[in-house]
Amino acid sequence: CAHYGLTPPCTNFIKKKGIKKVYY
């Protein structure tokens, strides 16, 4: 998810944690 709802977007947390690559 990339939108603000009841919680912040998961994309923000992924960037913050330094994930190199996301495969979906």
PDBML (XML) file of the C-alpha atoms, coordinates in Angstrom:
<?xml version="1.0" encoding="UTF-8" ?>
<PDBx:datablock datablockName="MODEL"
   xmlns:PDBx="http://pdbml.pdb.org/schema/pdbx-v50.xsd"
   xmlns:xsi="http://www.w3.org/2001/XMLSchema-instance"
   xsi:schemaLocation="http://pdbml.pdb.org/schema/pdbx-v50.xsd pdbx-v50.xsd">
   <PDBx:atom_siteCategory>
      <PDBx:atom_site id="1">
         <PDBx:B_iso_or_equiv>0.00</PDBx:B_iso_or_equiv>
         <PDBx:Cartn_x>0.000</PDBx:Cartn_x>
         <PDBx:Cartn_y>0.000</PDBx:Cartn_y>
         <PDBx:Cartn_z>0.000</PDBx:Cartn_z>
         <PDBx:auth_asym_id>A</PDBx:auth_asym_id>
         <PDBx:auth_atom_id>CA</PDBx:auth_atom_id>
         <PDBx:auth_comp_id>CYS</PDBx:auth_comp_id>
         <PDBx:auth_seq_id>1</PDBx:auth_seq_id>
         <PDBx:group_PDB>ATOM</PDBx:group_PDB>
         <PDBx:label_alt_id xsi:nil="true" />
         <PDBx:label_asym_id>A</PDBx:label_asym_id>
         <PDBx:label_atom_id>CA</PDBx:label_atom_id>
         <PDBx:label_comp_id>CYS</PDBx:label_comp_id>
         <PDBx:label_entity_id>1</PDBx:label_entity_id>
         <PDBx:label_seq_id>1</PDBx:label_seq_id>
         <PDBx:occupancy>1.00</PDBx:occupancy>
         <PDBx:pdbx_PDB_model_num>1</PDBx:pdbx_PDB_model_num>
         <PDBx:type_symbol>C</PDBx:type_symbol>
      </PDBx:atom_site>
      <PDBx:atom_site id="2">
         <PDBx:B_iso_or_equiv>0.00</PDBx:B_iso_or_equiv>
         <PDBx:Cartn_x>1.138</PDBx:Cartn_x>
         <PDBx:Cartn_y>3.523</PDBx:Cartn_y>
         <PDBx:Cartn_z>-0.827</PDBx:Cartn_z>
         <PDBx:auth_asym_id>A</PDBx:auth_asym_id>
         <PDBx:auth_atom_id>CA</PDBx:auth_atom_id>
         <PDBx:auth_comp_id>ALA</PDBx:auth_comp_id>
         <PDBx:auth_seq_id>2</PDBx:auth_seq_id>
         <PDBx:group_PDB>ATOM</PDBx:group_PDB>
         <PDBx:label_alt_id xsi:nil="true" />
         <PDBx:label_asym_id>A</PDBx:label_asym_id>
         <PDBx:label_atom_id>CA</PDBx:label_atom_id>
         <PDBx:label_comp_id>ALA</PDBx:label_comp_id>
         <PDBx:label_entity_id>1</PDBx:label_entity_id>
         <PDBx:label_seq_id>2</PDBx:label_seq_id>
         <PDBx:occupancy>1.00</PDBx:occupancy>
         <PDBx:pdbx_PDB_model_num>1</PDBx:pdbx_PDB_model_num>
         <PDBx:type_symbol>C</PDBx:type_symbol>
      </PDBx:atom_site>
      <PDBx:atom_site id="3">
         <PDBx:B_iso_or_equiv>0.00</PDBx:B_iso_or_equiv>
         <PDBx:Cartn_x>-1.628</PDBx:Cartn_x>
         <PDBx:Cartn_y>5.586</PDBx:Cartn_y>
         <PDBx:Cartn_z>0.783</PDBx:Cartn_z>
         <PDBx:auth_asym_id>A</PDBx:auth_asym_id>
         <PDBx:auth_atom_id>CA</PDBx:auth_atom_id>
         <PDBx:auth_comp_id>HIS</PDBx:auth_comp_id>
         <PDBx:auth_seq_id>3</PDBx:auth_seq_id>
         <PDBx:group_PDB>ATOM</PDBx:group_PDB>
         <PDBx:label_alt_id xsi:nil="true" />
         <PDBx:label_asym_id>A</PDBx:label_asym_id>
         <PDBx:label_atom_id>CA</PDBx:label_atom_id>
         <PDBx:label_comp_id>HIS</PDBx:label_comp_id>
         <PDBx:label_entity_id>1</PDBx:label_entity_id>
         <PDBx:label_seq_id>3</PDBx:label_seq_id>
         <PDBx:occupancy>1.00</PDBx:occupancy>
         <PDBx:pdbx_PDB_model_num>1</PDBx:pdbx_PDB_model_num>
         <PDBx:type_symbol>C</PDBx:type_symbol>
      </PDBx:atom_site>
      <PDBx:atom_site id="4">
         <PDBx:B_iso_or_equiv>0.00</PDBx:B_iso_or_equiv>
         <PDBx:Cartn_x>-2.395</PDBx:Cartn_x>
         <PDBx:Cartn_y>6.981</PDBx:Cartn_y>
         <PDBx:Cartn_z>4.212</PDBx:Cartn_z>
         <PDBx:auth_asym_id>A</PDBx:auth_asym_id>
         <PDBx:auth_atom_id>CA</PDBx:auth_atom_id>
         <PDBx:auth_comp_id>TYR</PDBx:auth_comp_id>
         <PDBx:auth_seq_id>4</PDBx:auth_seq_id>
         <PDBx:group_PDB>ATOM</PDBx:group_PDB>
         <PDBx:label_alt_id xsi:nil="true" />
         <PDBx:label_asym_id>A</PDBx:label_asym_id>
         <PDBx:label_atom_id>CA</PDBx:label_atom_id>
         <PDBx:label_comp_id>TYR</PDBx:label_comp_id>
         <PDBx:label_entity_id>1</PDBx:label_entity_id>
         <PDBx:label_seq_id>4</PDBx:label_seq_id>
         <PDBx:occupancy>1.00</PDBx:occupancy>
         <PDBx:pdbx_PDB_model_num>1</PDBx:pdbx_PDB_model_num>
         <PDBx:type_symbol>C</PDBx:type_symbol>
      </PDBx:atom_site>
      <PDBx:atom_site id="5">
         <PDBx:B_iso_or_equiv>0.00</PDBx:B_iso_or_equiv>
         <PDBx:Cartn_x>-5.403</PDBx:Cartn_x>
         <PDBx:Cartn_y>5.299</PDBx:Cartn_y>
         <PDBx:Cartn_z>5.791</PDBx:Cartn_z>
         <PDBx:auth_asym_id>A</PDBx:auth_asym_id>
         <PDBx:auth_atom_id>CA</PDBx:auth_atom_id>
         <PDBx:auth_comp_id>GLY</PDBx:auth_comp_id>
         <PDBx:auth_seq_id>5</PDBx:auth_seq_id>
         <PDBx:group_PDB>ATOM</PDBx:group_PDB>
         <PDBx:label_alt_id xsi:nil="true" />
         <PDBx:label_asym_id>A</PDBx:label_asym_id>
         <PDBx:label_atom_id>CA</PDBx:label_atom_id>
         <PDBx:label_comp_id>GLY</PDBx:label_comp_id>
         <PDBx:label_entity_id>1</PDBx:label_entity_id>
         <PDBx:label_seq_id>5</PDBx:label_seq_id>
         <PDBx:occupancy>1.00</PDBx:occupancy>
         <PDBx:pdbx_PDB_model_num>1</PDBx:pdbx_PDB_model_num>
         <PDBx:type_symbol>C</PDBx:type_symbol>
      </PDBx:atom_site>
      <PDBx:atom_site id="6">
         <PDBx:B_iso_or_equiv>0.00</PDBx:B_iso_or_equiv>
         <PDBx:Cartn_x>-5.814</PDBx:Cartn_x>
         <PDBx:Cartn_y>4.221</PDBx:Cartn_y>
         <PDBx:Cartn_z>9.410</PDBx:Cartn_z>
         <PDBx:auth_asym_id>A</PDBx:auth_asym_id>
         <PDBx:auth_atom_id>CA</PDBx:auth_atom_id>
         <PDBx:auth_comp_id>LEU</PDBx:auth_comp_id>
         <PDBx:auth_seq_id>6</PDBx:auth_seq_id>
         <PDBx:group_PDB>ATOM</PDBx:group_PDB>
         <PDBx:label_alt_id xsi:nil="true" />
         <PDBx:label_asym_id>A</PDBx:label_asym_id>
         <PDBx:label_atom_id>CA</PDBx:label_atom_id>
         <PDBx:label_comp_id>LEU</PDBx:label_comp_id>
         <PDBx:label_entity_id>1</PDBx:label_entity_id>
         <PDBx:label_seq_id>6</PDBx:label_seq_id>
         <PDBx:occupancy>1.00</PDBx:occupancy>
         <PDBx:pdbx_PDB_model_num>1</PDBx:pdbx_PDB_model_num>
         <PDBx:type_symbol>C</PDBx:type_symbol>
      </PDBx:atom_site>
      <PDBx:atom_site id="7">
         <PDBx:B_iso_or_equiv>0.00</PDBx:B_iso_or_equiv>
         <PDBx:Cartn_x>-2.048</PDBx:Cartn_x>
         <PDBx:Cartn_y>3.546</PDBx:Cartn_y>
         <PDBx:Cartn_z>9.282</PDBx:Cartn_z>
         <PDBx:auth_asym_id>A</PDBx:auth_asym_id>
         <PDBx:auth_atom_id>CA</PDBx:auth_atom_id>
         <PDBx:auth_comp_id>THR</PDBx:auth_comp_id>
         <PDBx:auth_seq_id>7</PDBx:auth_seq_id>
         <PDBx:group_PDB>ATOM</PDBx:group_PDB>
         <PDBx:label_alt_id xsi:nil="true" />
         <PDBx:label_asym_id>A</PDBx:label_asym_id>
         <PDBx:label_atom_id>CA</PDBx:label_atom_id>
         <PDBx:label_comp_id>THR</PDBx:label_comp_id>
         <PDBx:label_entity_id>1</PDBx:label_entity_id>
         <PDBx:label_seq_id>7</PDBx:label_seq_id>
         <PDBx:occupancy>1.00</PDBx:occupancy>
         <PDBx:pdbx_PDB_model_num>1</PDBx:pdbx_PDB_model_num>
         <PDBx:type_symbol>C</PDBx:type_symbol>
      </PDBx:atom_site>
      <PDBx:atom_site id="8">
         <PDBx:B_iso_or_equiv>0.00</PDBx:B_iso_or_equiv>
         <PDBx:Cartn_x>0.839</PDBx:Cartn_x>
         <PDBx:Cartn_y>5.082</PDBx:Cartn_y>
         <PDBx:Cartn_z>7.285</PDBx:Cartn_z>
         <PDBx:auth_asym_id>A</PDBx:auth_asym_id>
         <PDBx:auth_atom_id>CA</PDBx:auth_atom_id>
         <PDBx:auth_comp_id>PRO</PDBx:auth_comp_id>
         <PDBx:auth_seq_id>8</PDBx:auth_seq_id>
         <PDBx:group_PDB>ATOM</PDBx:group_PDB>
         <PDBx:label_alt_id xsi:nil="true" />
         <PDBx:label_asym_id>A</PDBx:label_asym_id>
         <PDBx:label_atom_id>CA</PDBx:label_atom_id>
         <PDBx:label_comp_id>PRO</PDBx:label_comp_id>
         <PDBx:label_entity_id>1</PDBx:label_entity_id>
         <PDBx:label_seq_id>8</PDBx:label_seq_id>
         <PDBx:occupancy>1.00</PDBx:occupancy>
         <PDBx:pdbx_PDB_model_num>1</PDBx:pdbx_PDB_model_num>
         <PDBx:type_symbol>C</PDBx:type_symbol>
      </PDBx:atom_site>
      <PDBx:atom_site id="9">
         <PDBx:B_iso_or_equiv>0.00</PDBx:B_iso_or_equiv>
         <PDBx:Cartn_x>1.691</PDBx:Cartn_x>
         <PDBx:Cartn_y>3.435</PDBx:Cartn_y>
         <PDBx:Cartn_z>3.930</PDBx:Cartn_z>
         <PDBx:auth_asym_id>A</PDBx:auth_asym_id>
         <PDBx:auth_atom_id>CA</PDBx:auth_atom_id>
         <PDBx:auth_comp_id>PRO</PDBx:auth_comp_id>
         <PDBx:auth_seq_id>9</PDBx:auth_seq_id>
         <PDBx:group_PDB>ATOM</PDBx:group_PDB>
         <PDBx:label_alt_id xsi:nil="true" />
         <PDBx:label_asym_id>A</PDBx:label_asym_id>
         <PDBx:label_atom_id>CA</PDBx:label_atom_id>
         <PDBx:label_comp_id>PRO</PDBx:label_comp_id>
         <PDBx:label_entity_id>1</PDBx:label_entity_id>
         <PDBx:label_seq_id>9</PDBx:label_seq_id>
         <PDBx:occupancy>1.00</PDBx:occupancy>
         <PDBx:pdbx_PDB_model_num>1</PDBx:pdbx_PDB_model_num>
         <PDBx:type_symbol>C</PDBx:type_symbol>
      </PDBx:atom_site>
      <PDBx:atom_site id="10">
         <PDBx:B_iso_or_equiv>0.00</PDBx:B_iso_or_equiv>
         <PDBx:Cartn_x>3.830</PDBx:Cartn_x>
         <PDBx:Cartn_y>0.295</PDBx:Cartn_y>
         <PDBx:Cartn_z>3.933</PDBx:Cartn_z>
         <PDBx:auth_asym_id>A</PDBx:auth_asym_id>
         <PDBx:auth_atom_id>CA</PDBx:auth_atom_id>
         <PDBx:auth_comp_id>CYS</PDBx:auth_comp_id>
         <PDBx:auth_seq_id>10</PDBx:auth_seq_id>
         <PDBx:group_PDB>ATOM</PDBx:group_PDB>
         <PDBx:label_alt_id xsi:nil="true" />
         <PDBx:label_asym_id>A</PDBx:label_asym_id>
         <PDBx:label_atom_id>CA</PDBx:label_atom_id>
         <PDBx:label_comp_id>CYS</PDBx:label_comp_id>
         <PDBx:label_entity_id>1</PDBx:label_entity_id>
         <PDBx:label_seq_id>10</PDBx:label_seq_id>
         <PDBx:occupancy>1.00</PDBx:occupancy>
         <PDBx:pdbx_PDB_model_num>1</PDBx:pdbx_PDB_model_num>
         <PDBx:type_symbol>C</PDBx:type_symbol>
      </PDBx:atom_site>
      <PDBx:atom_site id="11">
         <PDBx:B_iso_or_equiv>0.00</PDBx:B_iso_or_equiv>
         <PDBx:Cartn_x>6.006</PDBx:Cartn_x>
         <PDBx:Cartn_y>1.807</PDBx:Cartn_y>
         <PDBx:Cartn_z>1.187</PDBx:Cartn_z>
         <PDBx:auth_asym_id>A</PDBx:auth_asym_id>
         <PDBx:auth_atom_id>CA</PDBx:auth_atom_id>
         <PDBx:auth_comp_id>THR</PDBx:auth_comp_id>
         <PDBx:auth_seq_id>11</PDBx:auth_seq_id>
         <PDBx:group_PDB>ATOM</PDBx:group_PDB>
         <PDBx:label_alt_id xsi:nil="true" />
         <PDBx:label_asym_id>A</PDBx:label_asym_id>
         <PDBx:label_atom_id>CA</PDBx:label_atom_id>
         <PDBx:label_comp_id>THR</PDBx:label_comp_id>
         <PDBx:label_entity_id>1</PDBx:label_entity_id>
         <PDBx:label_seq_id>11</PDBx:label_seq_id>
         <PDBx:occupancy>1.00</PDBx:occupancy>
         <PDBx:pdbx_PDB_model_num>1</PDBx:pdbx_PDB_model_num>
         <PDBx:type_symbol>C</PDBx:type_symbol>
      </PDBx:atom_site>
      <PDBx:atom_site id="12">
         <PDBx:B_iso_or_equiv>0.00</PDBx:B_iso_or_equiv>
         <PDBx:Cartn_x>7.286</PDBx:Cartn_x>
         <PDBx:Cartn_y>4.413</PDBx:Cartn_y>
         <PDBx:Cartn_z>3.688</PDBx:Cartn_z>
         <PDBx:auth_asym_id>A</PDBx:auth_asym_id>
         <PDBx:auth_atom_id>CA</PDBx:auth_atom_id>
         <PDBx:auth_comp_id>ASN</PDBx:auth_comp_id>
         <PDBx:auth_seq_id>12</PDBx:auth_seq_id>
         <PDBx:group_PDB>ATOM</PDBx:group_PDB>
         <PDBx:label_alt_id xsi:nil="true" />
         <PDBx:label_asym_id>A</PDBx:label_asym_id>
         <PDBx:label_atom_id>CA</PDBx:label_atom_id>
         <PDBx:label_comp_id>ASN</PDBx:label_comp_id>
         <PDBx:label_entity_id>1</PDBx:label_entity_id>
         <PDBx:label_seq_id>12</PDBx:label_seq_id>
         <PDBx:occupancy>1.00</PDBx:occupancy>
         <PDBx:pdbx_PDB_model_num>1</PDBx:pdbx_PDB_model_num>
         <PDBx:type_symbol>C</PDBx:type_symbol>
      </PDBx:atom_site>
      <PDBx:atom_site id="13">
         <PDBx:B_iso_or_equiv>0.00</PDBx:B_iso_or_equiv>
         <PDBx:Cartn_x>8.258</PDBx:Cartn_x>
         <PDBx:Cartn_y>1.722</PDBx:Cartn_y>
         <PDBx:Cartn_z>6.192</PDBx:Cartn_z>
         <PDBx:auth_asym_id>A</PDBx:auth_asym_id>
         <PDBx:auth_atom_id>CA</PDBx:auth_atom_id>
         <PDBx:auth_comp_id>PHE</PDBx:auth_comp_id>
         <PDBx:auth_seq_id>13</PDBx:auth_seq_id>
         <PDBx:group_PDB>ATOM</PDBx:group_PDB>
         <PDBx:label_alt_id xsi:nil="true" />
         <PDBx:label_asym_id>A</PDBx:label_asym_id>
         <PDBx:label_atom_id>CA</PDBx:label_atom_id>
         <PDBx:label_comp_id>PHE</PDBx:label_comp_id>
         <PDBx:label_entity_id>1</PDBx:label_entity_id>
         <PDBx:label_seq_id>13</PDBx:label_seq_id>
         <PDBx:occupancy>1.00</PDBx:occupancy>
         <PDBx:pdbx_PDB_model_num>1</PDBx:pdbx_PDB_model_num>
         <PDBx:type_symbol>C</PDBx:type_symbol>
      </PDBx:atom_site>
      <PDBx:atom_site id="14">
         <PDBx:B_iso_or_equiv>0.00</PDBx:B_iso_or_equiv>
         <PDBx:Cartn_x>9.961</PDBx:Cartn_x>
         <PDBx:Cartn_y>-0.318</PDBx:Cartn_y>
         <PDBx:Cartn_z>3.452</PDBx:Cartn_z>
         <PDBx:auth_asym_id>A</PDBx:auth_asym_id>
         <PDBx:auth_atom_id>CA</PDBx:auth_atom_id>
         <PDBx:auth_comp_id>ILE</PDBx:auth_comp_id>
         <PDBx:auth_seq_id>14</PDBx:auth_seq_id>
         <PDBx:group_PDB>ATOM</PDBx:group_PDB>
         <PDBx:label_alt_id xsi:nil="true" />
         <PDBx:label_asym_id>A</PDBx:label_asym_id>
         <PDBx:label_atom_id>CA</PDBx:label_atom_id>
         <PDBx:label_comp_id>ILE</PDBx:label_comp_id>
         <PDBx:label_entity_id>1</PDBx:label_entity_id>
         <PDBx:label_seq_id>14</PDBx:label_seq_id>
         <PDBx:occupancy>1.00</PDBx:occupancy>
         <PDBx:pdbx_PDB_model_num>1</PDBx:pdbx_PDB_model_num>
         <PDBx:type_symbol>C</PDBx:type_symbol>
      </PDBx:atom_site>
      <PDBx:atom_site id="15">
         <PDBx:B_iso_or_equiv>0.00</PDBx:B_iso_or_equiv>
         <PDBx:Cartn_x>12.103</PDBx:Cartn_x>
         <PDBx:Cartn_y>2.689</PDBx:Cartn_y>
         <PDBx:Cartn_z>2.461</PDBx:Cartn_z>
         <PDBx:auth_asym_id>A</PDBx:auth_asym_id>
         <PDBx:auth_atom_id>CA</PDBx:auth_atom_id>
         <PDBx:auth_comp_id>LYS</PDBx:auth_comp_id>
         <PDBx:auth_seq_id>15</PDBx:auth_seq_id>
         <PDBx:group_PDB>ATOM</PDBx:group_PDB>
         <PDBx:label_alt_id xsi:nil="true" />
         <PDBx:label_asym_id>A</PDBx:label_asym_id>
         <PDBx:label_atom_id>CA</PDBx:label_atom_id>
         <PDBx:label_comp_id>LYS</PDBx:label_comp_id>
         <PDBx:label_entity_id>1</PDBx:label_entity_id>
         <PDBx:label_seq_id>15</PDBx:label_seq_id>
         <PDBx:occupancy>1.00</PDBx:occupancy>
         <PDBx:pdbx_PDB_model_num>1</PDBx:pdbx_PDB_model_num>
         <PDBx:type_symbol>C</PDBx:type_symbol>
      </PDBx:atom_site>
      <PDBx:atom_site id="16">
         <PDBx:B_iso_or_equiv>0.00</PDBx:B_iso_or_equiv>
         <PDBx:Cartn_x>12.924</PDBx:Cartn_x>
         <PDBx:Cartn_y>3.509</PDBx:Cartn_y>
         <PDBx:Cartn_z>6.074</PDBx:Cartn_z>
         <PDBx:auth_asym_id>A</PDBx:auth_asym_id>
         <PDBx:auth_atom_id>CA</PDBx:auth_atom_id>
         <PDBx:auth_comp_id>LYS</PDBx:auth_comp_id>
         <PDBx:auth_seq_id>16</PDBx:auth_seq_id>
         <PDBx:group_PDB>ATOM</PDBx:group_PDB>
         <PDBx:label_alt_id xsi:nil="true" />
         <PDBx:label_asym_id>A</PDBx:label_asym_id>
         <PDBx:label_atom_id>CA</PDBx:label_atom_id>
         <PDBx:label_comp_id>LYS</PDBx:label_comp_id>
         <PDBx:label_entity_id>1</PDBx:label_entity_id>
         <PDBx:label_seq_id>16</PDBx:label_seq_id>
         <PDBx:occupancy>1.00</PDBx:occupancy>
         <PDBx:pdbx_PDB_model_num>1</PDBx:pdbx_PDB_model_num>
         <PDBx:type_symbol>C</PDBx:type_symbol>
      </PDBx:atom_site>
      <PDBx:atom_site id="17">
         <PDBx:B_iso_or_equiv>0.00</PDBx:B_iso_or_equiv>
         <PDBx:Cartn_x>14.176</PDBx:Cartn_x>
         <PDBx:Cartn_y>-0.035</PDBx:Cartn_y>
         <PDBx:Cartn_z>6.751</PDBx:Cartn_z>
         <PDBx:auth_asym_id>A</PDBx:auth_asym_id>
         <PDBx:auth_atom_id>CA</PDBx:auth_atom_id>
         <PDBx:auth_comp_id>LYS</PDBx:auth_comp_id>
         <PDBx:auth_seq_id>17</PDBx:auth_seq_id>
         <PDBx:group_PDB>ATOM</PDBx:group_PDB>
         <PDBx:label_alt_id xsi:nil="true" />
         <PDBx:label_asym_id>A</PDBx:label_asym_id>
         <PDBx:label_atom_id>CA</PDBx:label_atom_id>
         <PDBx:label_comp_id>LYS</PDBx:label_comp_id>
         <PDBx:label_entity_id>1</PDBx:label_entity_id>
         <PDBx:label_seq_id>17</PDBx:label_seq_id>
         <PDBx:occupancy>1.00</PDBx:occupancy>
         <PDBx:pdbx_PDB_model_num>1</PDBx:pdbx_PDB_model_num>
         <PDBx:type_symbol>C</PDBx:type_symbol>
      </PDBx:atom_site>
      <PDBx:atom_site id="18">
         <PDBx:B_iso_or_equiv>0.00</PDBx:B_iso_or_equiv>
         <PDBx:Cartn_x>16.507</PDBx:Cartn_x>
         <PDBx:Cartn_y>0.031</PDBx:Cartn_y>
         <PDBx:Cartn_z>3.740</PDBx:Cartn_z>
         <PDBx:auth_asym_id>A</PDBx:auth_asym_id>
         <PDBx:auth_atom_id>CA</PDBx:auth_atom_id>
         <PDBx:auth_comp_id>GLY</PDBx:auth_comp_id>
         <PDBx:auth_seq_id>18</PDBx:auth_seq_id>
         <PDBx:group_PDB>ATOM</PDBx:group_PDB>
         <PDBx:label_alt_id xsi:nil="true" />
         <PDBx:label_asym_id>A</PDBx:label_asym_id>
         <PDBx:label_atom_id>CA</PDBx:label_atom_id>
         <PDBx:label_comp_id>GLY</PDBx:label_comp_id>
         <PDBx:label_entity_id>1</PDBx:label_entity_id>
         <PDBx:label_seq_id>18</PDBx:label_seq_id>
         <PDBx:occupancy>1.00</PDBx:occupancy>
         <PDBx:pdbx_PDB_model_num>1</PDBx:pdbx_PDB_model_num>
         <PDBx:type_symbol>C</PDBx:type_symbol>
      </PDBx:atom_site>
      <PDBx:atom_site id="19">
         <PDBx:B_iso_or_equiv>0.00</PDBx:B_iso_or_equiv>
         <PDBx:Cartn_x>15.004</PDBx:Cartn_x>
         <PDBx:Cartn_y>-2.815</PDBx:Cartn_y>
         <PDBx:Cartn_z>1.699</PDBx:Cartn_z>
         <PDBx:auth_asym_id>A</PDBx:auth_asym_id>
         <PDBx:auth_atom_id>CA</PDBx:auth_atom_id>
         <PDBx:auth_comp_id>ILE</PDBx:auth_comp_id>
         <PDBx:auth_seq_id>19</PDBx:auth_seq_id>
         <PDBx:group_PDB>ATOM</PDBx:group_PDB>
         <PDBx:label_alt_id xsi:nil="true" />
         <PDBx:label_asym_id>A</PDBx:label_asym_id>
         <PDBx:label_atom_id>CA</PDBx:label_atom_id>
         <PDBx:label_comp_id>ILE</PDBx:label_comp_id>
         <PDBx:label_entity_id>1</PDBx:label_entity_id>
         <PDBx:label_seq_id>19</PDBx:label_seq_id>
         <PDBx:occupancy>1.00</PDBx:occupancy>
         <PDBx:pdbx_PDB_model_num>1</PDBx:pdbx_PDB_model_num>
         <PDBx:type_symbol>C</PDBx:type_symbol>
      </PDBx:atom_site>
      <PDBx:atom_site id="20">
         <PDBx:B_iso_or_equiv>0.00</PDBx:B_iso_or_equiv>
         <PDBx:Cartn_x>17.041</PDBx:Cartn_x>
         <PDBx:Cartn_y>-3.141</PDBx:Cartn_y>
         <PDBx:Cartn_z>-1.511</PDBx:Cartn_z>
         <PDBx:auth_asym_id>A</PDBx:auth_asym_id>
         <PDBx:auth_atom_id>CA</PDBx:auth_atom_id>
         <PDBx:auth_comp_id>LYS</PDBx:auth_comp_id>
         <PDBx:auth_seq_id>20</PDBx:auth_seq_id>
         <PDBx:group_PDB>ATOM</PDBx:group_PDB>
         <PDBx:label_alt_id xsi:nil="true" />
         <PDBx:label_asym_id>A</PDBx:label_asym_id>
         <PDBx:label_atom_id>CA</PDBx:label_atom_id>
         <PDBx:label_comp_id>LYS</PDBx:label_comp_id>
         <PDBx:label_entity_id>1</PDBx:label_entity_id>
         <PDBx:label_seq_id>20</PDBx:label_seq_id>
         <PDBx:occupancy>1.00</PDBx:occupancy>
         <PDBx:pdbx_PDB_model_num>1</PDBx:pdbx_PDB_model_num>
         <PDBx:type_symbol>C</PDBx:type_symbol>
      </PDBx:atom_site>
      <PDBx:atom_site id="21">
         <PDBx:B_iso_or_equiv>0.00</PDBx:B_iso_or_equiv>
         <PDBx:Cartn_x>14.370</PDBx:Cartn_x>
         <PDBx:Cartn_y>-4.728</PDBx:Cartn_y>
         <PDBx:Cartn_z>-3.724</PDBx:Cartn_z>
         <PDBx:auth_asym_id>A</PDBx:auth_asym_id>
         <PDBx:auth_atom_id>CA</PDBx:auth_atom_id>
         <PDBx:auth_comp_id>LYS</PDBx:auth_comp_id>
         <PDBx:auth_seq_id>21</PDBx:auth_seq_id>
         <PDBx:group_PDB>ATOM</PDBx:group_PDB>
         <PDBx:label_alt_id xsi:nil="true" />
         <PDBx:label_asym_id>A</PDBx:label_asym_id>
         <PDBx:label_atom_id>CA</PDBx:label_atom_id>
         <PDBx:label_comp_id>LYS</PDBx:label_comp_id>
         <PDBx:label_entity_id>1</PDBx:label_entity_id>
         <PDBx:label_seq_id>21</PDBx:label_seq_id>
         <PDBx:occupancy>1.00</PDBx:occupancy>
         <PDBx:pdbx_PDB_model_num>1</PDBx:pdbx_PDB_model_num>
         <PDBx:type_symbol>C</PDBx:type_symbol>
      </PDBx:atom_site>
      <PDBx:atom_site id="22">
         <PDBx:B_iso_or_equiv>0.00</PDBx:B_iso_or_equiv>
         <PDBx:Cartn_x>10.659</PDBx:Cartn_x>
         <PDBx:Cartn_y>-5.553</PDBx:Cartn_y>
         <PDBx:Cartn_z>-3.433</PDBx:Cartn_z>
         <PDBx:auth_asym_id>A</PDBx:auth_asym_id>
         <PDBx:auth_atom_id>CA</PDBx:auth_atom_id>
         <PDBx:auth_comp_id>VAL</PDBx:auth_comp_id>
         <PDBx:auth_seq_id>22</PDBx:auth_seq_id>
         <PDBx:group_PDB>ATOM</PDBx:group_PDB>
         <PDBx:label_alt_id xsi:nil="true" />
         <PDBx:label_asym_id>A</PDBx:label_asym_id>
         <PDBx:label_atom_id>CA</PDBx:label_atom_id>
         <PDBx:label_comp_id>VAL</PDBx:label_comp_id>
         <PDBx:label_entity_id>1</PDBx:label_entity_id>
         <PDBx:label_seq_id>22</PDBx:label_seq_id>
         <PDBx:occupancy>1.00</PDBx:occupancy>
         <PDBx:pdbx_PDB_model_num>1</PDBx:pdbx_PDB_model_num>
         <PDBx:type_symbol>C</PDBx:type_symbol>
      </PDBx:atom_site>
      <PDBx:atom_site id="23">
         <PDBx:B_iso_or_equiv>0.00</PDBx:B_iso_or_equiv>
         <PDBx:Cartn_x>9.163</PDBx:Cartn_x>
         <PDBx:Cartn_y>-8.325</PDBx:Cartn_y>
         <PDBx:Cartn_z>-5.575</PDBx:Cartn_z>
         <PDBx:auth_asym_id>A</PDBx:auth_asym_id>
         <PDBx:auth_atom_id>CA</PDBx:auth_atom_id>
         <PDBx:auth_comp_id>TYR</PDBx:auth_comp_id>
         <PDBx:auth_seq_id>23</PDBx:auth_seq_id>
         <PDBx:group_PDB>ATOM</PDBx:group_PDB>
         <PDBx:label_alt_id xsi:nil="true" />
         <PDBx:label_asym_id>A</PDBx:label_asym_id>
         <PDBx:label_atom_id>CA</PDBx:label_atom_id>
         <PDBx:label_comp_id>TYR</PDBx:label_comp_id>
         <PDBx:label_entity_id>1</PDBx:label_entity_id>
         <PDBx:label_seq_id>23</PDBx:label_seq_id>
         <PDBx:occupancy>1.00</PDBx:occupancy>
         <PDBx:pdbx_PDB_model_num>1</PDBx:pdbx_PDB_model_num>
         <PDBx:type_symbol>C</PDBx:type_symbol>
      </PDBx:atom_site>
      <PDBx:atom_site id="24">
         <PDBx:B_iso_or_equiv>0.00</PDBx:B_iso_or_equiv>
         <PDBx:Cartn_x>5.365</PDBx:Cartn_x>
         <PDBx:Cartn_y>-8.529</PDBx:Cartn_y>
         <PDBx:Cartn_z>-5.644</PDBx:Cartn_z>
         <PDBx:auth_asym_id>A</PDBx:auth_asym_id>
         <PDBx:auth_atom_id>CA</PDBx:auth_atom_id>
         <PDBx:auth_comp_id>TYR</PDBx:auth_comp_id>
         <PDBx:auth_seq_id>24</PDBx:auth_seq_id>
         <PDBx:group_PDB>ATOM</PDBx:group_PDB>
         <PDBx:label_alt_id xsi:nil="true" />
         <PDBx:label_asym_id>A</PDBx:label_asym_id>
         <PDBx:label_atom_id>CA</PDBx:label_atom_id>
         <PDBx:label_comp_id>TYR</PDBx:label_comp_id>
         <PDBx:label_entity_id>1</PDBx:label_entity_id>
         <PDBx:label_seq_id>24</PDBx:label_seq_id>
         <PDBx:occupancy>1.00</PDBx:occupancy>
         <PDBx:pdbx_PDB_model_num>1</PDBx:pdbx_PDB_model_num>
         <PDBx:type_symbol>C</PDBx:type_symbol>
      </PDBx:atom_site>
   </PDBx:atom_siteCategory>
</PDBx:datablock>
